[in-house]
Protein backbone atom coordinates (compact mmCIF):
# COMPACT_ATOMS: atom_id res chain seq x y z
CA MET A 1 0.00 0.00 0.00
CA CYS A 2 1.41 3.41 -0.99
CA THR A 3 0.43 6.69 0.58
CA PHE A 4 1.06 9.95 -1.22
CA LEU A 5 1.27 13.17 0.71
CA PRO A 6 0.99 16.54 -1.00
CA VAL A 7 4.18 18.55 -0.77
CA LEU A 8 4.13 22.33 -0.67
CA ILE A 9 7.19 23.79 -2.32
CA MET A 10 7.73 27.44 -1.47
CA GLY A 11 9.81 29.66 -3.65
CA HIS A 12 12.57 31.77 -2.21
CA LYS A 13 13.79 35.20 -3.21
CA THR A 14 17.01 36.89 -2.26
CA ILE A 15 16.79 40.55 -1.29
CA THR A 16 19.51 43.03 -0.44
CA ILE A 17 19.04 45.36 2.51
CA SER A 18 21.37 47.68 4.35
CA GLU A 19 23.07 46.65 7.57
CA GLU A 20 20.89 49.21 9.37
CA ALA A 21 17.70 47.65 7.96
CA TYR A 22 18.92 44.15 8.87
CA GLU A 23 19.63 45.19 12.47
CA ALA A 24 16.24 46.91 12.71
CA LEU A 25 14.43 43.81 11.44
CA ALA A 26 16.47 41.50 13.66
CA GLY A 27 15.48 43.67 16.62
CA LEU A 28 11.79 43.32 15.73
CA LYS A 29 11.84 39.51 15.60
CA GLN A 30 9.98 37.83 18.44
CA GLY A 31 11.33 34.70 20.12
CA ARG A 32 12.39 32.09 17.59
CA GLU A 33 10.55 33.84 14.77
CA SER A 34 12.21 33.63 11.35
CA PHE A 35 12.88 36.73 9.28
CA THR A 36 10.09 35.62 6.92
CA GLU A 37 7.64 35.30 9.81
CA ALA A 38 8.68 38.71 11.17
CA ILE A 39 8.24 40.38 7.78
CA LEU A 40 4.80 38.82 7.29
CA ARG A 41 3.72 39.79 10.82
CA LEU A 42 4.87 43.37 10.30
CA ALA A 43 3.22 43.55 6.86
CA ARG A 44 -0.09 42.30 8.27
CA ARG A 45 0.16 44.84 11.09
CA ARG A 46 0.61 47.63 8.55
CA GLU A 47 -2.46 46.52 6.61
CA LYS A 48 -4.65 47.25 9.63
CA GLY A 49 -4.11 50.90 9.01
CA THR A 50 -4.90 52.68 12.28
CA LEU A 51 -2.62 53.72 15.10
CA LEU A 52 -4.96 52.08 17.60
CA ASP A 53 -4.71 48.75 15.76
CA PHE A 54 -0.93 49.05 15.79
CA VAL A 55 -0.80 49.76 19.53
CA LYS A 56 -3.20 46.88 20.24
CA SER A 57 -0.93 44.53 18.27
CA LEU A 58 2.13 45.31 20.42
CA GLU A 59 3.31 42.94 23.10
CA PRO A 60 2.75 44.25 26.65
CA ASP A 61 5.55 46.69 27.47
CA GLU A 62 5.89 48.26 30.92
CA GLU A 63 8.11 51.11 29.70
CA PHE A 64 5.65 52.00 26.92
CA ALA A 65 2.77 51.95 29.43
CA GLU A 66 4.65 54.33 31.74
CA ILE A 67 5.37 56.70 28.85
CA MET A 68 1.70 56.68 27.82
CA ASP A 69 0.63 57.36 31.42
CA GLU A 70 2.98 60.36 31.50
CA VAL A 71 1.59 61.66 28.20
CA VAL A 72 -1.96 61.40 29.56
CA ARG A 73 -0.97 63.21 32.78
CA GLU A 74 0.67 66.01 30.77
CA ARG A 75 -2.35 66.36 28.46
CA GLU A 76 -4.64 66.71 31.50
CA LYS A 77 -2.67 69.83 32.48
CA VAL A 78 -3.39 71.55 29.17
CA THR A 79 -6.27 73.99 29.00
CA LEU A 80 -7.57 75.40 25.77
CA ARG A 81 -8.60 79.02 25.42
CA ALA A 82 -10.48 80.71 22.64
CA SER A 83 -8.35 83.21 20.81
CA GLY A 84 -9.21 86.87 21.21
CA LEU A 85 -9.49 87.40 17.46
C-alpha cells in the first residue's frame, strides 16, 4: 500500500538590505521567529491601518505603558482658550 502526501514547495527570493535595515528587522523579531515570519507579521500589522490597531498589536511593554501614562498626565494639564481674534 502506498500513501502519497501533498508537498508544498515554497519559492525563495534573495533581497539586499542595508546593515541598518537588517539590524532593525532583527530587533523586531519575536522569540524564535524567522525573518520571513517577522516580515509577514509586520506587513499584516501595517495593513490594519490605524494607530490604535498598531498599539493593540504590540506585546505588553511596561516602559511604553509608563510613557503613555505620562503623556496622559501632561495632556490633562493643558487647557484650551479661545483666541481673542
